[in-house]
Amino acid sequence: MQPSNRTRGEPVLSRWRGSRTARRLAHLYVGLTLYGLSCALMVRAGIGLDPWDTFHQGLGKQTGWTMGVATIVVGAAVLLLWIPIRQRPGLGTVSNVVVIGVAMDASLALLPDVHGLALQIPQMLGGVVLNGVATGLYISARYGPGPRDGLMTGLHRRTGLSVRLVRTLIEITVLASGWVLGGAVGAGTVVYALAIGPLAQYFLRVFAIPEPASAGPGEVLRGGARRDTREVNYVPPGAER
């Protein structure tokens, strides 16, 4: 009796799914590690940080914490805010809290400060581009949003305000608080704000992990869920931490 096509294809499909899981995990952890490195590059460039890292740096100055520790503490605190807005964390959410801070501190320990605009500007630009690469990698893994993005989308759902408005209010608050605490605000802050959205969009498409060829748009999956393969090209608004 000949095995059915379904039976013959199952080992291949199983191996494909295993390799896809390994790829997703690689995207997640390589992306988060590179994100920490990119933040460290911008710190050492010394001409401005993104809003959240401005806050982390300012908080670190006031508490004596390293920037990595401040990043982890703030990420954990933001994650607690998910409880009242009924957000559910994923593997990527929890990993985001820890890995970025550890990678940032490790990178800061190895990277020297740079001086002079001839060195500062290229390093800052390199940090911003690497941040876009890292964002595309870890979001393409689809293991859950970072704590800060989850706060944004959760508040959007609970308040009815637009995502753009919620994000703007959060980042203005964070940036202003960080500046008051002594965090760096400068040209790099503006460049990051203008560039990170297009960069994240581009690199998410570059690193998108395709669904199985057998999974067409609208295919019914286990448990009755439906898969739309077009979602791999979607970039969440504010695609960052």
Protein backbone atom coordinates (compact mmCIF):
# COMPACT_ATOMS: atom_id res chain seq x y z
CA MET A 1 0.00 0.00 0.00
CA GLN A 2 1.48 3.30 -1.08
CA PRO A 3 1.71 6.06 1.58
CA SER A 4 -0.54 9.00 0.91
CA ASN A 5 0.86 12.29 -0.31
CA ARG A 6 0.04 13.69 3.13
CA THR A 7 2.10 10.98 4.85
CA ARG A 8 5.06 11.35 2.48
CA GLY A 9 5.06 15.11 2.90
CA GLU A 10 4.86 15.23 6.69
CA PRO A 11 8.62 14.71 7.43
CA VAL A 12 9.51 17.46 4.94
CA LEU A 13 6.94 19.81 6.44
CA SER A 14 8.15 18.99 9.95
CA ARG A 15 11.76 19.77 8.99
CA TRP A 16 10.62 23.00 7.30
CA ARG A 17 8.77 24.09 10.41
CA GLY A 18 11.80 23.26 12.57
CA SER A 19 14.13 25.28 10.36
CA ARG A 20 11.62 28.15 10.32
CA THR A 21 11.48 28.19 14.12
CA ALA A 22 15.29 28.25 14.29
CA ARG A 23 15.34 31.13 11.83
CA ARG A 24 12.76 33.06 13.83
CA LEU A 25 14.73 32.58 17.04
CA ALA A 26 17.92 33.69 15.28
CA HIS A 27 16.17 36.81 13.99
CA LEU A 28 14.88 37.57 17.46
CA TYR A 29 18.11 37.25 19.42
CA VAL A 30 20.49 38.56 16.75
CA GLY A 31 18.14 41.51 16.27
CA LEU A 32 17.91 42.32 19.97
CA THR A 33 21.69 42.02 20.37
CA LEU A 34 22.32 44.33 17.42
CA TYR A 35 19.74 46.74 18.83
CA GLY A 36 21.79 47.04 22.01
CA LEU A 37 24.96 47.54 19.95
CA SER A 38 23.29 50.22 17.83
CA CYS A 39 22.22 52.13 20.93
CA ALA A 40 25.76 51.96 22.30
CA LEU A 41 27.15 53.33 19.02
CA MET A 42 24.83 56.32 19.26
CA VAL A 43 25.75 56.87 22.91
CA ARG A 44 29.47 56.91 22.10
CA ALA A 45 28.88 59.23 19.12
CA GLY A 46 27.66 61.79 21.65
CA ILE A 47 25.35 63.88 19.45
CA GLY A 48 21.91 62.81 20.57
CA LEU A 49 19.87 59.69 21.30
CA ASP A 50 16.41 58.41 20.53
CA PRO A 51 13.75 59.47 23.08
CA TRP A 52 13.75 56.29 25.15
CA ASP A 53 17.56 56.12 25.37
CA THR A 54 17.63 59.80 26.33
CA PHE A 55 15.42 58.79 29.24
CA HIS A 56 17.53 55.72 30.06
CA GLN A 57 20.72 57.78 30.03
CA GLY A 58 19.19 60.50 32.20
CA LEU A 59 17.82 57.96 34.65
CA GLY A 60 21.21 56.28 34.81
CA LYS A 61 22.89 59.58 35.64
CA GLN A 62 20.48 60.21 38.49
CA THR A 63 20.62 56.69 39.96
CA GLY A 64 24.15 55.58 39.19
CA TRP A 65 22.85 52.72 37.07
CA THR A 66 24.47 51.78 33.78
CA MET A 67 22.37 52.51 30.71
CA GLY A 68 21.79 48.81 30.23
CA VAL A 69 20.44 48.40 33.75
CA ALA A 70 18.25 51.49 33.32
CA THR A 71 16.94 50.02 30.05
CA ILE A 72 16.05 46.73 31.77
CA VAL A 73 14.41 48.44 34.76
CA VAL A 74 12.34 50.75 32.56
CA GLY A 75 11.37 47.87 30.27
CA ALA A 76 10.18 45.81 33.25
CA ALA A 77 8.25 48.78 34.66
CA VAL A 78 6.57 49.41 31.30
CA LEU A 79 5.69 45.73 31.11
CA LEU A 80 3.85 46.03 34.42
CA LEU A 81 1.72 48.74 32.81
CA TRP A 82 0.47 46.10 30.39
CA ILE A 83 -1.61 44.54 33.18
CA PRO A 84 -4.36 47.19 33.40
CA ILE A 85 -4.52 47.56 29.61
CA ARG A 86 -4.74 43.77 29.18
CA GLN A 87 -1.78 43.23 26.94
CA ARG A 88 -0.21 39.77 26.75
CA PRO A 89 3.59 39.46 26.47
CA GLY A 90 5.32 36.96 24.23
CA LEU A 91 8.80 35.46 24.18
CA GLY A 92 10.03 38.47 22.23
CA THR A 93 8.57 40.85 24.80
CA VAL A 94 10.37 39.29 27.75
CA SER A 95 13.59 38.80 25.76
CA ASN A 96 13.44 42.45 24.70
CA VAL A 97 13.49 43.59 28.32
CA VAL A 98 16.69 41.68 29.13
CA VAL A 99 18.76 41.18 25.97
CA ILE A 100 18.90 44.78 24.75
CA GLY A 101 20.12 46.07 28.13
CA VAL A 102 22.77 43.35 28.47
CA ALA A 103 23.98 43.88 24.89
CA MET A 104 24.07 47.64 25.40
CA ASP A 105 26.23 47.45 28.53
CA ALA A 106 28.57 44.91 26.92
CA SER A 107 28.96 47.14 23.86
CA LEU A 108 29.50 50.29 25.93
CA ALA A 109 32.26 48.49 27.84
CA LEU A 110 34.08 47.82 24.56
CA LEU A 111 33.40 50.98 22.54
CA PRO A 112 35.34 54.19 23.22
CA ASP A 113 33.90 57.67 22.99
CA VAL A 114 34.59 59.38 19.67
CA HIS A 115 35.46 63.05 19.31
CA GLY A 116 35.16 65.42 16.39
CA LEU A 117 32.25 65.59 13.97
CA ALA A 118 34.24 63.74 11.30
CA LEU A 119 33.97 60.63 13.49
CA GLN A 120 30.81 61.37 15.44
CA ILE A 121 28.50 61.85 12.45
CA PRO A 122 29.41 58.57 10.64
CA GLN A 123 29.15 56.63 13.89
CA MET A 124 25.78 58.15 14.72
CA LEU A 125 24.48 57.41 11.20
CA GLY A 126 25.84 53.87 11.40
CA GLY A 127 24.08 53.40 14.72
CA VAL A 128 20.76 54.59 13.28
CA VAL A 129 21.03 52.29 10.24
CA LEU A 130 22.05 49.33 12.42
CA ASN A 131 19.08 50.10 14.65
CA GLY A 132 16.83 49.80 11.59
CA VAL A 133 18.44 46.48 10.67
CA ALA A 134 17.97 45.21 14.23
CA THR A 135 14.35 46.36 14.30
CA GLY A 136 13.60 44.55 11.05
CA LEU A 137 15.21 41.37 12.37
CA TYR A 138 13.52 41.09 15.73
CA ILE A 139 10.07 42.22 14.58
CA SER A 140 10.17 39.79 11.63
CA ALA A 141 10.53 36.97 14.18
CA ARG A 142 6.96 37.72 15.34
CA TYR A 143 7.44 36.64 18.95
CA GLY A 144 5.53 39.60 20.40
CA PRO A 145 6.06 43.38 20.56
CA GLY A 146 8.58 45.12 22.77
CA PRO A 147 7.19 46.47 26.05
CA ARG A 148 7.16 50.06 24.83
CA ASP A 149 5.34 49.24 21.58
CA GLY A 150 2.86 47.13 23.50
CA LEU A 151 2.15 50.05 25.81
CA MET A 152 1.49 52.24 22.78
CA THR A 153 -0.87 49.84 21.03
CA GLY A 154 -2.60 48.93 24.30
CA LEU A 155 -3.29 52.56 25.13
CA HIS A 156 -4.56 53.06 21.59
CA ARG A 157 -7.11 50.29 22.07
CA ARG A 158 -8.16 51.35 25.56
CA THR A 159 -8.43 55.10 24.93
CA GLY A 160 -9.60 55.19 21.33
CA LEU A 161 -6.90 57.72 20.47
CA SER A 162 -4.98 57.22 17.23
CA VAL A 163 -1.75 55.21 17.35
CA ARG A 164 0.13 58.20 15.96
CA LEU A 165 -1.16 60.49 18.71
CA VAL A 166 -0.50 57.98 21.49
CA ARG A 167 3.03 57.37 20.22
CA THR A 168 3.72 61.08 19.90
CA LEU A 169 2.49 61.80 23.43
CA ILE A 170 4.53 58.97 24.92
CA GLU A 171 7.74 59.91 23.12
CA ILE A 172 7.44 63.63 23.88
CA THR A 173 6.91 62.78 27.55
CA VAL A 174 9.83 60.35 27.60
CA LEU A 175 12.15 62.72 25.71
CA ALA A 176 11.32 65.70 27.92
CA SER A 177 11.76 63.62 31.08
CA GLY A 178 15.08 62.28 29.85
CA TRP A 179 16.34 65.75 28.98
CA VAL A 180 15.40 67.06 32.43
CA LEU A 181 17.25 64.10 33.99
CA GLY A 182 20.38 64.90 31.96
CA GLY A 183 20.02 62.65 28.92
CA ALA A 184 21.53 63.67 25.59
CA VAL A 185 19.32 65.45 23.06
CA GLY A 186 20.83 66.66 19.79
CA ALA A 187 21.07 66.23 16.05
CA GLY A 188 21.11 62.47 16.45
CA THR A 189 17.70 62.62 18.11
CA VAL A 190 16.23 64.37 15.08
CA VAL A 191 17.94 62.05 12.58
CA TYR A 192 16.69 59.01 14.45
CA ALA A 193 13.12 60.31 14.59
CA LEU A 194 13.07 60.96 10.82
CA ALA A 195 14.91 57.83 9.69
CA ILE A 196 13.85 54.94 11.90
CA GLY A 197 10.36 54.48 10.43
CA PRO A 198 11.47 54.11 6.78
CA LEU A 199 14.48 52.01 7.81
CA ALA A 200 12.37 49.64 9.90
CA GLN A 201 9.84 49.31 7.07
CA TYR A 202 12.57 48.50 4.56
CA PHE A 203 14.46 45.98 6.70
CA LEU A 204 11.32 44.24 7.88
CA ARG A 205 10.59 43.46 4.23
CA VAL A 206 14.20 42.33 3.70
CA PHE A 207 14.10 39.94 6.67
CA ALA A 208 10.47 38.79 6.36
CA ILE A 209 10.16 35.05 7.00
CA PRO A 210 7.73 33.50 4.49
CA GLU A 211 4.94 31.18 5.49
CA PRO A 212 4.81 27.60 4.11
CA ALA A 213 4.01 27.40 0.42
CA SER A 214 0.92 25.36 1.31
CA ALA A 215 -0.39 28.15 3.54
CA GLY A 216 -2.23 30.46 1.19
CA PRO A 217 -4.06 33.58 2.32
CA GLY A 218 -7.01 32.62 4.48
CA GLU A 219 -5.92 29.00 5.06
CA VAL A 220 -7.56 27.47 8.13
CA LEU A 221 -4.96 26.42 10.71
CA ARG A 222 -5.15 24.23 13.81
CA GLY A 223 -7.69 25.56 16.25
CA GLY A 224 -9.70 27.30 13.55
CA ALA A 225 -7.36 30.31 13.18
CA ARG A 226 -6.82 31.72 9.72
CA ARG A 227 -3.43 32.62 8.34
CA ASP A 228 -2.87 35.53 6.01
CA THR A 229 0.60 35.33 4.49
CA ARG A 230 0.47 39.01 3.62
CA GLU A 231 1.02 39.89 7.28
CA VAL A 232 4.76 39.24 6.98
CA ASN A 233 5.11 42.62 5.29
CA TYR A 234 3.33 44.53 8.04
CA VAL A 235 5.32 46.95 10.18
CA PRO A 236 3.67 47.87 13.48
CA PRO A 237 3.43 51.64 13.93
CA GLY A 238 6.42 52.79 15.95
CA ALA A 239 8.36 49.64 15.10
CA GLU A 240 10.96 49.75 17.81
CA ARG A 241 11.16 48.90 21.46
